[in-house]
Protein backbone atom coordinates (compact mmCIF):
# COMPACT_ATOMS: atom_id res chain seq x y z
CA MET A 1 0.04 -0.01 -0.03
CA GLU A 2 2.73 2.33 0.87
CA ALA A 3 4.43 1.93 -2.48
CA ALA A 4 1.34 2.82 -4.43
CA GLU A 5 0.50 5.83 -2.25
CA ASN A 6 4.16 7.13 -2.46
CA ASN A 7 4.33 6.65 -6.34
CA HIS A 8 6.99 3.87 -6.36
CA LEU A 9 5.77 2.25 -9.40
CA ASP A 10 8.79 -0.31 -9.60
CA ALA A 11 7.99 -1.42 -6.06
CA VAL A 12 4.39 -1.78 -7.02
CA LYS A 13 5.18 -3.93 -10.07
CA TYR A 14 7.64 -6.03 -7.95
CA LEU A 15 5.32 -6.56 -5.16
CA ILE A 16 2.46 -7.75 -7.35
CA LYS A 17 4.72 -10.04 -9.55
CA ALA A 18 5.95 -11.64 -6.20
CA GLY A 19 2.30 -12.35 -5.25
CA ALA A 20 1.36 -9.48 -2.93
CA GLN A 21 -2.46 -8.95 -2.59
CA VAL A 22 -3.65 -5.81 -4.35
CA ASP A 23 -7.03 -5.40 -2.54
CA PRO A 24 -6.33 -5.20 1.20
CA LYS A 25 -7.82 -2.26 2.98
CA ASP A 26 -6.33 0.20 5.37
CA ALA A 27 -8.17 1.45 8.67
CA GLU A 28 -10.40 3.69 6.55
CA GLY A 29 -11.31 0.98 3.93
CA SER A 30 -9.04 2.37 1.21
CA THR A 31 -7.17 0.08 -1.18
CA CYS A 32 -3.92 0.94 -2.90
CA LEU A 33 -6.10 2.09 -5.83
CA HIS A 34 -7.74 4.66 -3.67
CA LEU A 35 -4.52 5.91 -2.12
CA ALA A 36 -2.76 6.23 -5.76
CA ALA A 37 -5.89 7.95 -7.13
CA LYS A 38 -6.13 10.45 -4.23
CA LYS A 39 -2.59 11.35 -4.73
CA GLY A 40 -2.75 11.62 -8.53
CA HIS A 41 -0.23 8.79 -9.26
CA TYR A 42 -1.33 8.04 -12.85
CA ASP A 43 1.21 5.39 -13.68
CA VAL A 44 0.47 3.48 -10.52
CA VAL A 45 -3.21 3.49 -11.10
CA GLN A 46 -2.82 2.49 -14.54
CA TYR A 47 -0.71 -0.45 -13.69
CA LEU A 48 -3.07 -1.49 -10.82
CA LEU A 49 -5.99 -1.54 -13.31
CA SER A 50 -3.95 -3.25 -16.10
CA ASN A 51 -3.72 -6.58 -14.24
CA GLY A 52 -7.49 -7.12 -13.88
CA GLN A 53 -7.24 -7.72 -10.09
CA MET A 54 -8.55 -4.37 -9.02
CA ASP A 55 -12.13 -3.25 -9.03
CA VAL A 56 -12.14 0.32 -10.47
CA ASN A 57 -15.46 1.04 -8.59
CA CYS A 58 -14.45 -0.22 -5.08
CA GLN A 59 -15.65 1.80 -2.33
CA ASP A 60 -13.92 2.85 0.85
CA ASP A 61 -15.67 2.97 4.13
CA GLY A 62 -17.04 6.42 3.26
CA GLY A 63 -18.27 5.06 -0.06
CA TRP A 64 -15.71 6.88 -2.06
CA THR A 65 -14.43 5.28 -5.22
CA PRO A 66 -11.03 5.99 -6.85
CA MET A 67 -12.91 8.27 -9.22
CA ILE A 68 -14.41 10.39 -6.42
CA TRP A 69 -10.98 10.82 -4.86
CA ALA A 70 -9.37 11.74 -8.43
CA THR A 71 -12.24 14.26 -8.88
CA GLU A 72 -11.84 15.72 -5.35
CA TYR A 73 -8.19 16.53 -5.94
CA LYS A 74 -8.68 17.56 -9.66
CA HIS A 75 -6.56 14.93 -11.17
CA VAL A 76 -8.17 15.35 -14.70
CA ASP A 77 -5.92 12.90 -16.57
CA LEU A 78 -6.62 10.49 -13.87
CA VAL A 79 -10.34 10.92 -14.19
CA LYS A 80 -10.07 10.34 -17.89
CA LEU A 81 -8.19 7.07 -17.30
CA LEU A 82 -10.61 5.89 -14.69
CA LEU A 83 -13.38 6.59 -17.08
CA SER A 84 -11.74 4.69 -19.98
CA LYS A 85 -11.38 1.62 -17.41
CA GLY A 86 -15.17 1.80 -16.81
CA SER A 87 -15.51 3.75 -13.58
CA ASP A 88 -19.11 4.39 -12.78
CA ILE A 89 -19.76 8.11 -12.24
CA ASN A 90 -23.16 7.40 -10.60
CA ILE A 91 -21.78 5.85 -7.66
CA ARG A 92 -22.23 8.16 -4.56
CA ASP A 93 -20.47 8.33 -1.30
CA ASN A 94 -22.08 7.17 1.94
CA PRO A 95 -23.11 10.32 3.94
CA GLU A 96 -24.13 7.96 6.84
CA ALA A 97 -20.75 6.49 7.26
CA SER A 98 -20.17 6.49 10.94
CA ASN A 99 -16.37 6.66 10.82
CA GLY A 100 -16.17 10.41 11.11
CA ARG A 101 -13.55 10.72 8.29
CA SER A 102 -12.33 14.18 8.09
CA SER A 103 -9.94 13.13 5.29
CA HIS A 104 -12.82 13.55 2.78
CA LYS A 105 -12.06 17.22 2.82
């Protein structure tokens, strides 16, 4: 997860090839795809989606998808990539999430 969040594409590739799981979630329900999308790491997101193991529409505990994160932080190229990979723009967050996340701001 840390490799994806910090834009270490070579490390992400190595870990996945070595059999690392790509979909574990952190304490807020974010996957490495959420974290990379939030930070705008285009190449990492592209790679994570290229192997077919990640769900482009996965939701974190607040209901946010990688698309919502990319849009929130105005990563236009990433939004275009996610759309090309089938991201559903109709998925909404969960306003009733009880985790009190302030990170959505």
